[in-house]
Amino acid sequence: MNSTEDIGLSLVALSLVFACAAMIRRRSQLLRKLFMPTAVIGGFLVLGLGPEGLGRLTGGAGLFPEHVFAIWKQLPGLLINVMCAALLLGERLPPLKSIWNISGPHVMMAGIMSAGQFAVAGVLVLFLLEPVFGFNAKAGALIEMAFAGGHGTLAGLTPVLVEYGAEDLLDVGLGLATIGMVTGIIVGTMLVNYGIKSPSIPIARQNPTSPEEDLDIDHHLPGPDDEPMDEWHGMTQVTAAAVFIGVSIAVGIAMLGLFRWVFNLAGSQFFDKFPLFPFTILGGVLVQLFATRFSFQWAVNRRAVEGLGGIAIDGIVICAIGTLSLGALGANLGPLILLAIASVAWSIFLALVIGRHIFPRHWFEHSMAEFGESQGNVATGFVMLDMVDPARNTDVARAYSYRQLITRPIVGGGFLTALAVPLIDLWGLAMFTIIAVTITVGLVLWGMRRVAVGGRAKVTKLRAS
């Protein structure tokens, strides 16, 4: 049992690590040129100074006390609930029809992205990783869990992986998530600069990205022109945001308990090991709907919620990277490299080929936002958007933001991500992969047909006028 002093010391130490990482990034032009997130730098600091780095050289635990490191290992599994509760809380929720009209292609692209990641991993595991490396068949879910879901999703799914005999995939998945964040920024920057220089790609931005822009996915602080955050019922908006996040998590806990009770009555223990975090997303949506219904949505300040969610994301990334097991990664180096290459290749194909046929206008800008999320998280998608369209000459920011309202509870760390391992166990990897391939192809054809029908309707309207 960790004492209160141990928990406090671990948080103080984490703050010092983050401060050091920020100073390193500030002084390193190379890291700024690569748009490297501060949290990733902090994670590698912990990894290098902890038992897996300095500890291996000295034969000890490294720079950090063992009890502090033990708490850091547990933090991602808790912080993922805060992050997920904050994803949609405070968002103004327009009618569903309006959301679909604006973000429909992005919803399809998100489905293609995640289903394709399941399909690519399934094929790779079936025909290479399982027969050659003896890799666990549950790895068919690993690319989507690690790249679209990220560190927090993997931490939240730890009980599920243990329950279904796939706990050996956790460190591999965390390694993939780390690779995804780094490649998402580096490869994404290369693609943006390629798009600017390519005569075959129409793009709103006309000049290459520059390290002087200092884009950072850890940027959550208010700007000088932002509206002040008024108090609500005698508490600051940051405090109010923390209260609403806590209520959202409580609603998620109640919903998960209800599901477990209903399924247990039916004789099934399916939800007994199901993670909490997908339900906290729904909890945040329900709290927001309740606030709108009773006219106090003004009290849920989105900027304050995002700030607390950003703290959770940064904590997840630092702790997840810093507590990686290098021994487990080394033992699975071949599968790790192959899965990473396959995922990056799929994301590039998605952005440069599929995106042309899914988005009717500004296809490259729309595709790059989805590329960023397919390799890292929502924030990485916005970094790509800031690179490719800093002046907001397109409608990508609104469409990409709105699509989160539909897809976040489902893929990229939602219910489908959480259900993937149980479904592979239930159906077998071959059937799961066939279904994933079918869904991917179906969504691509639907998206292409939607664009074609829209184009014909536009031509007919012009002729009629």
Protein backbone atom coordinates (compact mmCIF):
# COMPACT_ATOMS: atom_id res chain seq x y z
CA MET A 1 0.00 0.00 0.00
CA ASN A 2 1.41 3.38 -1.03
CA SER A 3 1.47 6.03 1.68
CA THR A 4 0.23 9.57 1.20
CA GLU A 5 3.82 10.80 1.34
CA ASP A 6 4.84 8.36 -1.41
CA ILE A 7 2.04 9.58 -3.68
CA GLY A 8 2.90 13.21 -3.00
CA LEU A 9 6.60 12.58 -3.65
CA SER A 10 5.84 10.80 -6.93
CA LEU A 11 3.81 13.78 -8.18
CA VAL A 12 6.53 16.24 -7.17
CA ALA A 13 9.17 14.12 -8.92
CA LEU A 14 6.96 13.94 -12.01
CA SER A 15 6.69 17.74 -12.03
CA LEU A 16 10.48 18.06 -11.86
CA VAL A 17 10.86 15.62 -14.75
CA PHE A 18 8.40 17.61 -16.84
CA ALA A 19 10.19 20.88 -16.02
CA CYS A 20 13.52 19.35 -17.09
CA ALA A 21 11.95 18.06 -20.30
CA ALA A 22 10.53 21.50 -21.07
CA MET A 23 13.97 23.08 -20.58
CA ILE A 24 15.59 20.47 -22.83
CA ARG A 25 13.02 21.11 -25.54
CA ARG A 26 13.42 24.84 -25.17
CA ARG A 27 17.17 24.65 -25.70
CA SER A 28 17.17 22.02 -28.45
CA GLN A 29 16.49 23.34 -31.93
CA LEU A 30 16.49 19.76 -33.26
CA LEU A 31 13.68 18.67 -30.91
CA ARG A 32 11.65 21.77 -31.81
CA LYS A 33 12.30 21.15 -35.49
CA LEU A 34 10.93 17.64 -35.02
CA PHE A 35 7.96 19.10 -33.08
CA MET A 36 8.75 16.61 -30.32
CA PRO A 37 6.16 16.72 -27.50
CA THR A 38 7.51 17.68 -24.09
CA ALA A 39 5.77 14.67 -22.53
CA VAL A 40 7.64 12.27 -24.83
CA ILE A 41 10.97 13.87 -23.88
CA GLY A 42 10.02 13.52 -20.22
CA GLY A 43 9.13 9.87 -20.75
CA PHE A 44 12.53 9.12 -22.21
CA LEU A 45 14.17 11.01 -19.32
CA VAL A 46 12.40 8.74 -16.84
CA LEU A 47 13.27 5.67 -18.92
CA GLY A 48 16.94 6.63 -19.12
CA LEU A 49 17.29 7.55 -15.44
CA GLY A 50 15.11 4.73 -14.10
CA PRO A 51 15.74 1.01 -13.53
CA GLU A 52 15.69 0.20 -17.26
CA GLY A 53 18.43 2.76 -18.02
CA LEU A 54 20.71 4.01 -15.26
CA GLY A 55 19.57 1.15 -13.03
CA ARG A 56 20.95 -1.46 -15.44
CA LEU A 57 24.34 0.27 -15.41
CA THR A 58 24.55 0.67 -11.65
CA GLY A 59 22.74 -2.50 -10.65
CA GLY A 60 20.12 -0.55 -8.70
CA ALA A 61 16.79 1.17 -9.23
CA GLY A 62 18.23 4.20 -10.96
CA LEU A 63 17.70 7.80 -9.89
CA PHE A 64 14.13 7.35 -8.67
CA PRO A 65 13.07 5.50 -5.49
CA GLU A 66 11.32 2.20 -6.11
CA HIS A 67 8.07 3.29 -4.42
CA VAL A 68 7.91 6.39 -6.65
CA PHE A 69 8.43 4.27 -9.74
CA ALA A 70 5.74 1.82 -8.58
CA ILE A 71 3.22 4.67 -8.36
CA TRP A 72 4.18 5.93 -11.82
CA LYS A 73 3.40 2.49 -13.20
CA GLN A 74 -0.15 2.72 -11.83
CA LEU A 75 -0.89 6.30 -12.87
CA PRO A 76 -1.71 5.76 -16.59
CA GLY A 77 -4.49 3.31 -15.73
CA LEU A 78 -6.09 5.97 -13.51
CA LEU A 79 -5.41 9.06 -15.63
CA ILE A 80 -7.00 7.50 -18.72
CA ASN A 81 -10.37 7.88 -16.97
CA VAL A 82 -9.75 11.60 -16.45
CA MET A 83 -8.61 12.03 -20.05
CA CYS A 84 -11.63 10.21 -21.47
CA ALA A 85 -14.11 12.04 -19.23
CA ALA A 86 -12.65 15.34 -20.51
CA LEU A 87 -12.75 14.41 -24.22
CA LEU A 88 -16.26 15.70 -24.96
CA LEU A 89 -17.24 17.42 -21.71
CA GLY A 90 -17.88 21.11 -22.32
CA GLU A 91 -18.27 20.70 -26.07
CA ARG A 92 -21.30 22.45 -27.48
CA LEU A 93 -23.40 19.66 -28.96
CA PRO A 94 -25.19 20.68 -32.18
CA PRO A 95 -27.93 18.49 -33.68
CA LEU A 96 -26.68 15.11 -34.90
CA LYS A 97 -27.72 15.91 -38.48
CA SER A 98 -25.55 19.03 -38.44
CA ILE A 99 -22.61 17.09 -37.05
CA TRP A 100 -22.97 14.48 -39.79
CA ASN A 101 -23.29 17.05 -42.59
CA ILE A 102 -20.08 18.75 -41.48
CA SER A 103 -17.98 15.77 -40.39
CA GLY A 104 -19.42 12.75 -42.27
CA PRO A 105 -16.27 12.13 -44.37
CA HIS A 106 -14.13 12.35 -41.22
CA VAL A 107 -16.37 9.81 -39.47
CA MET A 108 -15.91 7.44 -42.43
CA MET A 109 -12.18 8.08 -42.50
CA ALA A 110 -11.92 7.32 -38.78
CA GLY A 111 -13.80 4.05 -39.33
CA ILE A 112 -11.55 3.14 -42.27
CA MET A 113 -8.49 4.01 -40.19
CA SER A 114 -9.40 1.84 -37.21
CA ALA A 115 -10.93 -1.07 -39.12
CA GLY A 116 -7.91 -1.02 -41.42
CA GLN A 117 -5.54 -1.12 -38.46
CA PHE A 118 -7.36 -4.19 -37.15
CA ALA A 119 -7.22 -5.73 -40.64
CA VAL A 120 -3.51 -4.99 -41.23
CA ALA A 121 -2.51 -6.33 -37.81
CA GLY A 122 -4.73 -9.38 -38.24
CA VAL A 123 -3.22 -10.31 -41.60
CA LEU A 124 0.31 -9.71 -40.32
CA VAL A 125 -0.21 -11.83 -37.21
CA LEU A 126 -2.02 -14.64 -39.07
CA PHE A 127 0.52 -15.08 -41.85
CA LEU A 128 3.80 -14.02 -40.27
CA LEU A 129 4.00 -13.12 -36.58
CA GLU A 130 2.11 -16.09 -35.16
CA PRO A 131 3.61 -18.88 -37.34
CA VAL A 132 7.18 -17.47 -37.44
CA PHE A 133 7.59 -15.70 -34.08
CA GLY A 134 4.97 -17.58 -32.06
CA PHE A 135 3.31 -14.24 -31.34
CA ASN A 136 0.04 -14.05 -29.42
CA ALA A 137 -3.01 -14.05 -31.72
CA LYS A 138 -4.55 -11.23 -29.64
CA ALA A 139 -1.95 -8.97 -31.28
CA GLY A 140 -4.47 -8.60 -34.09
CA ALA A 141 -5.90 -5.75 -32.00
CA LEU A 142 -2.52 -4.24 -31.10
CA ILE A 143 -2.05 -1.63 -33.86
CA GLU A 144 -5.43 0.00 -33.28
CA MET A 145 -5.03 -0.13 -29.51
CA ALA A 146 -1.51 1.35 -29.61
CA PHE A 147 -1.59 3.81 -32.51
CA ALA A 148 -5.18 5.08 -32.55
CA GLY A 149 -5.75 4.38 -28.85
CA GLY A 150 -2.38 5.29 -27.34
CA HIS A 151 -0.65 4.82 -24.01
CA GLY A 152 -3.70 5.52 -21.89
CA THR A 153 -5.89 3.05 -23.75
CA LEU A 154 -3.32 0.30 -23.27
CA ALA A 155 -3.00 1.13 -19.58
CA GLY A 156 -6.77 1.04 -19.20
CA LEU A 157 -6.98 -2.27 -21.03
CA THR A 158 -4.35 -3.98 -18.86
CA PRO A 159 -6.98 -6.03 -16.91
CA VAL A 160 -8.52 -7.15 -20.21
CA LEU A 161 -5.16 -8.25 -21.60
CA VAL A 162 -4.42 -10.15 -18.38
CA GLU A 163 -7.88 -11.76 -18.36
CA TYR A 164 -7.45 -13.07 -21.91
CA GLY A 165 -3.86 -14.25 -21.51
CA ALA A 166 -2.27 -11.44 -23.50
CA GLU A 167 -0.43 -9.49 -20.81
CA ASP A 168 2.81 -10.08 -22.75
CA LEU A 169 1.48 -7.66 -25.37
CA LEU A 170 1.30 -4.70 -22.99
CA ASP A 171 4.93 -3.57 -23.24
CA VAL A 172 4.96 -4.19 -26.98
CA GLY A 173 1.84 -2.08 -27.28
CA LEU A 174 3.33 0.72 -25.18
CA GLY A 175 6.43 0.59 -27.37
CA LEU A 176 4.24 0.87 -30.47
CA ALA A 177 2.32 3.80 -28.96
CA THR A 178 5.62 5.59 -28.31
CA ILE A 179 6.80 4.91 -31.86
CA GLY A 180 3.45 6.16 -33.11
CA MET A 181 3.75 9.52 -31.36
CA VAL A 182 7.27 10.06 -32.69
CA THR A 183 6.58 8.89 -36.25
CA GLY A 184 3.28 10.77 -36.29
CA ILE A 185 5.13 14.05 -35.83
CA ILE A 186 8.24 13.29 -37.91
CA VAL A 187 6.57 11.50 -40.84
CA GLY A 188 3.64 13.92 -40.69
CA THR A 189 6.01 16.90 -41.02
CA MET A 190 7.65 15.23 -44.03
CA LEU A 191 4.26 14.63 -45.65
CA VAL A 192 3.15 18.23 -45.10
CA ASN A 193 6.33 19.60 -46.67
CA TYR A 194 5.96 17.08 -49.51
CA GLY A 195 2.37 18.24 -50.09
CA ILE A 196 3.45 21.90 -50.20
CA LYS A 197 6.12 21.15 -52.82
CA SER A 198 4.07 18.72 -54.92
CA PRO A 199 2.30 20.32 -57.93
CA SER A 200 -0.27 17.51 -57.89
CA ILE A 201 -1.54 18.31 -54.37
CA PRO A 202 -3.62 21.48 -53.89
CA ILE A 203 -2.92 22.86 -50.44
CA ALA A 204 -3.98 25.99 -48.55
CA ARG A 205 -0.53 26.59 -47.05
CA GLN A 206 2.17 27.82 -49.42
CA ASN A 207 5.31 27.82 -47.24
CA PRO A 208 7.07 24.90 -45.51
CA THR A 209 6.69 24.34 -41.80
CA SER A 210 9.29 25.96 -39.58
CA PRO A 211 10.70 25.07 -36.16
CA GLU A 212 10.20 28.72 -35.17
CA GLU A 213 6.47 27.98 -35.04
CA ASP A 214 7.24 25.74 -32.05
CA LEU A 215 4.06 23.70 -32.32
CA ASP A 216 3.66 21.48 -29.27
CA ILE A 217 0.86 19.05 -28.51
CA ASP A 218 1.41 19.83 -24.82
CA HIS A 219 0.11 23.40 -25.31
CA HIS A 220 -2.90 23.75 -23.01
CA LEU A 221 -2.35 27.19 -21.49
CA PRO A 222 -4.77 30.07 -22.18
CA GLY A 223 -3.64 32.77 -24.58
CA PRO A 224 -3.55 36.50 -23.80
CA ASP A 225 -6.67 37.11 -25.91
CA ASP A 226 -8.77 34.35 -24.33
CA GLU A 227 -11.85 35.28 -22.36
CA PRO A 228 -11.37 35.20 -18.56
CA MET A 229 -12.84 32.18 -16.77
CA ASP A 230 -15.57 33.44 -14.46
CA GLU A 231 -16.38 31.77 -11.17
CA TRP A 232 -19.29 29.38 -10.81
CA HIS A 233 -21.05 29.02 -7.44
CA GLY A 234 -18.05 30.34 -5.53
CA MET A 235 -15.45 28.17 -7.27
CA THR A 236 -13.04 28.91 -10.09
CA GLN A 237 -13.76 27.40 -13.49
CA VAL A 238 -10.78 25.07 -13.11
CA THR A 239 -12.27 23.75 -9.89
CA ALA A 240 -15.69 23.50 -11.54
CA ALA A 241 -14.12 21.58 -14.43
CA ALA A 242 -12.54 19.15 -11.96
CA VAL A 243 -15.95 18.72 -10.30
CA PHE A 244 -17.70 17.99 -13.60
CA ILE A 245 -14.95 15.56 -14.64
CA GLY A 246 -15.39 13.77 -11.31
CA VAL A 247 -19.15 13.60 -11.82
CA SER A 248 -18.59 12.23 -15.37
CA ILE A 249 -16.34 9.48 -13.99
CA ALA A 250 -18.94 8.70 -11.31
CA VAL A 251 -21.61 8.37 -14.02
CA GLY A 252 -19.25 6.06 -15.94
CA ILE A 253 -18.72 3.91 -12.83
CA ALA A 254 -22.50 3.65 -12.35
CA MET A 255 -23.04 2.68 -15.99
CA LEU A 256 -20.32 0.02 -15.87
CA GLY A 257 -21.79 -1.36 -12.65
CA LEU A 258 -25.23 -1.50 -14.28
CA PHE A 259 -23.85 -3.40 -17.30
CA ARG A 260 -22.08 -5.87 -15.03
CA TRP A 261 -25.24 -6.42 -13.00
CA VAL A 262 -27.42 -6.99 -16.08
CA PHE A 263 -24.94 -9.36 -17.72
CA ASN A 264 -24.39 -11.25 -14.46
CA LEU A 265 -28.16 -11.76 -14.20
CA ALA A 266 -28.01 -13.26 -17.69
CA GLY A 267 -25.23 -15.60 -16.56
CA SER A 268 -22.38 -13.77 -18.32
CA GLN A 269 -19.26 -12.29 -16.76
CA PHE A 270 -18.31 -10.48 -19.96
CA PHE A 271 -18.16 -7.00 -18.37
CA ASP A 272 -16.50 -8.10 -15.14
CA LYS A 273 -13.04 -7.23 -16.50
CA PHE A 274 -14.22 -4.55 -18.92
CA PRO A 275 -12.33 -1.25 -18.44
CA LEU A 276 -13.96 1.89 -17.08
CA PHE A 277 -12.61 4.48 -19.50
CA PRO A 278 -15.06 3.97 -22.44
CA PHE A 279 -17.92 4.57 -20.01
CA THR A 280 -16.34 7.81 -18.74
CA ILE A 281 -16.54 9.16 -22.31
CA LEU A 282 -20.28 8.52 -22.26
CA GLY A 283 -20.40 9.95 -18.74
CA GLY A 284 -18.93 13.22 -20.01
CA VAL A 285 -21.48 13.36 -22.85
CA LEU A 286 -24.38 12.69 -20.46
CA VAL A 287 -23.20 15.37 -18.02
CA GLN A 288 -22.93 17.83 -20.93
CA LEU A 289 -26.42 16.93 -22.18
CA PHE A 290 -27.76 17.34 -18.65
CA ALA A 291 -26.07 20.75 -18.37
CA THR A 292 -27.58 21.82 -21.68
CA ARG A 293 -31.04 20.55 -20.75
CA PHE A 294 -31.08 22.49 -17.48
CA SER A 295 -29.33 25.59 -18.89
CA PHE A 296 -26.08 25.59 -16.96
CA GLN A 297 -23.79 24.52 -19.80
CA TRP A 298 -22.05 27.88 -19.42
CA ALA A 299 -20.61 26.57 -16.17
CA VAL A 300 -18.66 23.79 -17.92
CA ASN A 301 -15.75 25.78 -19.31
CA ARG A 302 -14.27 23.83 -22.21
CA ARG A 303 -10.85 25.47 -21.92
CA ALA A 304 -10.58 24.51 -18.25
CA VAL A 305 -11.69 20.95 -19.03
CA GLU A 306 -9.11 20.69 -21.82
CA GLY A 307 -6.41 21.93 -19.46
CA LEU A 308 -7.14 19.19 -16.92
CA GLY A 309 -7.45 16.62 -19.71
CA GLY A 310 -4.10 17.80 -21.04
CA ILE A 311 -2.48 17.24 -17.65
CA ALA A 312 -3.85 13.69 -17.70
CA ILE A 313 -2.52 13.07 -21.24
CA ASP A 314 0.93 14.36 -20.34
CA GLY A 315 1.02 12.26 -17.18
CA ILE A 316 -0.01 9.15 -19.11
CA VAL A 317 2.68 9.63 -21.77
CA ILE A 318 5.51 10.36 -19.32
CA CYS A 319 4.67 7.47 -17.00
CA ALA A 320 3.88 4.96 -19.77
CA ILE A 321 7.10 5.61 -21.68
CA GLY A 322 9.21 5.94 -18.54
CA THR A 323 8.09 2.59 -17.09
CA LEU A 324 8.54 0.56 -20.30
CA SER A 325 10.24 -2.79 -19.97
CA LEU A 326 13.15 -2.74 -22.41
CA GLY A 327 13.66 -6.45 -21.82
CA ALA A 328 10.14 -7.21 -23.07
CA LEU A 329 10.65 -4.95 -26.08
CA GLY A 330 13.97 -6.60 -26.89
CA ALA A 331 12.41 -10.05 -26.70
CA ASN A 332 9.77 -9.00 -29.23
CA LEU A 333 11.87 -6.65 -31.35
CA GLY A 334 11.03 -8.34 -34.67
CA PRO A 335 7.25 -8.21 -34.24
CA LEU A 336 7.51 -4.67 -32.83
CA ILE A 337 9.35 -3.40 -35.91
CA LEU A 338 7.04 -5.19 -38.36
CA LEU A 339 3.89 -3.92 -36.65
CA ALA A 340 5.26 -0.37 -36.56
CA ILE A 341 6.21 -0.43 -40.26
CA ALA A 342 2.82 -1.84 -41.22
CA SER A 343 0.97 0.79 -39.20
CA VAL A 344 2.95 3.74 -40.57
CA ALA A 345 2.55 2.41 -44.13
CA TRP A 346 -1.22 2.04 -43.67
CA SER A 347 -1.51 5.60 -42.31
CA ILE A 348 0.50 7.05 -45.21
CA PHE A 349 -1.63 5.11 -47.72
CA LEU A 350 -4.75 6.34 -45.95
CA ALA A 351 -3.63 9.98 -46.12
CA LEU A 352 -2.25 10.09 -49.66
CA VAL A 353 -4.50 7.64 -51.51
CA ILE A 354 -7.79 6.98 -49.70
CA GLY A 355 -8.18 10.58 -48.55
CA ARG A 356 -8.38 11.82 -52.15
CA HIS A 357 -11.55 9.81 -52.65
CA ILE A 358 -13.23 10.45 -49.29
CA PHE A 359 -12.94 14.24 -48.90
CA PRO A 360 -14.55 16.27 -51.71
CA ARG A 361 -12.62 19.50 -50.92
CA HIS A 362 -9.22 20.22 -49.34
CA TRP A 363 -8.59 16.48 -49.20
CA PHE A 364 -4.93 16.82 -48.13
CA GLU A 365 -5.66 19.03 -45.12
CA HIS A 366 -8.49 16.75 -43.98
CA SER A 367 -6.35 13.65 -44.51
CA MET A 368 -3.40 15.00 -42.54
CA ALA A 369 -5.53 15.58 -39.46
CA GLU A 370 -6.62 11.94 -39.63
CA PHE A 371 -3.03 10.85 -40.25
CA GLY A 372 -1.96 12.54 -37.03
CA GLU A 373 -4.65 10.78 -35.01
CA SER A 374 -3.92 7.42 -36.63
CA GLN A 375 -0.34 7.66 -35.37
CA GLY A 376 -0.81 9.34 -32.02
CA ASN A 377 -3.95 10.93 -30.66
CA VAL A 378 -6.40 13.79 -31.21
CA ALA A 379 -3.80 16.37 -30.21
CA THR A 380 -1.34 15.04 -32.82
CA GLY A 381 -4.09 15.44 -35.41
CA PHE A 382 -4.43 19.11 -34.47
CA VAL A 383 -0.65 19.55 -34.71
CA MET A 384 -0.84 18.24 -38.28
CA LEU A 385 -3.69 20.64 -38.95
CA ASP A 386 -1.68 23.56 -37.54
CA MET A 387 1.17 22.61 -39.86
CA VAL A 388 -0.88 22.21 -43.02
CA ASP A 389 -3.43 25.00 -42.47
CA PRO A 390 -2.20 27.42 -39.78
CA ALA A 391 -4.41 30.28 -41.04
CA ARG A 392 -7.54 28.08 -40.94
CA ASN A 393 -8.30 28.66 -44.63
CA THR A 394 -10.30 25.42 -44.70
CA ASP A 395 -13.12 23.91 -42.64
CA VAL A 396 -10.96 21.04 -41.38
CA ALA A 397 -10.75 22.19 -37.75
CA ARG A 398 -14.52 22.24 -37.33
CA ALA A 399 -15.14 18.98 -39.22
CA TYR A 400 -12.33 17.15 -37.40
CA SER A 401 -13.55 18.43 -34.02
CA TYR A 402 -17.19 17.49 -34.67
CA ARG A 403 -16.35 13.97 -35.78
CA GLN A 404 -14.88 13.31 -32.33
CA LEU A 405 -18.43 13.57 -30.95
CA ILE A 406 -19.42 10.50 -32.99
CA THR A 407 -16.26 8.39 -33.16
CA ARG A 408 -14.59 8.93 -29.78
CA PRO A 409 -16.91 6.64 -27.83
CA ILE A 410 -16.45 3.91 -30.47
CA VAL A 411 -12.92 3.70 -31.95
CA GLY A 412 -9.46 5.01 -31.09
CA GLY A 413 -9.84 4.11 -27.43
CA GLY A 414 -13.61 3.67 -27.32
CA PHE A 415 -15.89 0.66 -26.96
CA LEU A 416 -14.76 -1.13 -30.13
CA THR A 417 -11.13 -0.83 -29.06
CA ALA A 418 -11.98 -2.28 -25.65
CA LEU A 419 -14.00 -5.12 -27.23
CA ALA A 420 -11.35 -6.14 -29.79
CA VAL A 421 -9.41 -8.62 -27.62
CA PRO A 422 -12.58 -10.31 -26.25
CA LEU A 423 -13.95 -10.59 -29.79
CA ILE A 424 -10.73 -12.18 -31.07
CA ASP A 425 -10.98 -14.65 -28.20
CA LEU A 426 -14.64 -15.34 -29.04
CA TRP A 427 -14.48 -15.53 -32.85
CA GLY A 428 -10.85 -16.38 -33.51
CA LEU A 429 -8.37 -14.09 -35.24
CA ALA A 430 -9.20 -15.31 -38.76
CA MET A 431 -12.89 -14.42 -38.49
CA PHE A 432 -12.09 -11.12 -36.73
CA THR A 433 -9.69 -10.19 -39.54
CA ILE A 434 -12.18 -11.08 -42.28
CA ILE A 435 -14.79 -8.87 -40.64
CA ALA A 436 -12.27 -6.02 -40.26
CA VAL A 437 -11.27 -6.26 -43.93
CA THR A 438 -14.92 -6.32 -45.00
CA ILE A 439 -15.76 -3.24 -42.91
CA THR A 440 -12.71 -1.40 -44.25
CA VAL A 441 -13.57 -2.08 -47.89
CA GLY A 442 -17.25 -1.31 -47.28
CA LEU A 443 -16.49 2.07 -45.70
CA VAL A 444 -14.09 2.99 -48.51
CA LEU A 445 -16.72 2.19 -51.16
CA TRP A 446 -19.40 4.06 -49.22
CA GLY A 447 -17.18 7.12 -48.88
CA MET A 448 -16.27 7.11 -52.58
CA ARG A 449 -19.92 6.70 -53.58
CA ARG A 450 -20.94 9.55 -51.26
CA VAL A 451 -18.45 11.89 -52.96
CA ALA A 452 -19.54 10.73 -56.44
CA VAL A 453 -23.24 11.24 -55.65
CA GLY A 454 -22.50 14.65 -54.17
CA GLY A 455 -20.56 15.61 -57.29
CA ARG A 456 -23.37 14.53 -59.60
CA ALA A 457 -25.92 16.42 -57.50
CA LYS A 458 -23.77 19.55 -57.73
CA VAL A 459 -23.50 19.24 -61.52
CA THR A 460 -27.27 18.74 -61.84
CA LYS A 461 -27.92 21.80 -59.69
CA LEU A 462 -25.58 23.92 -61.81
CA ARG A 463 -27.23 22.78 -65.04
CA ALA A 464 -30.68 23.52 -63.64
CA SER A 465 -29.64 27.04 -62.71
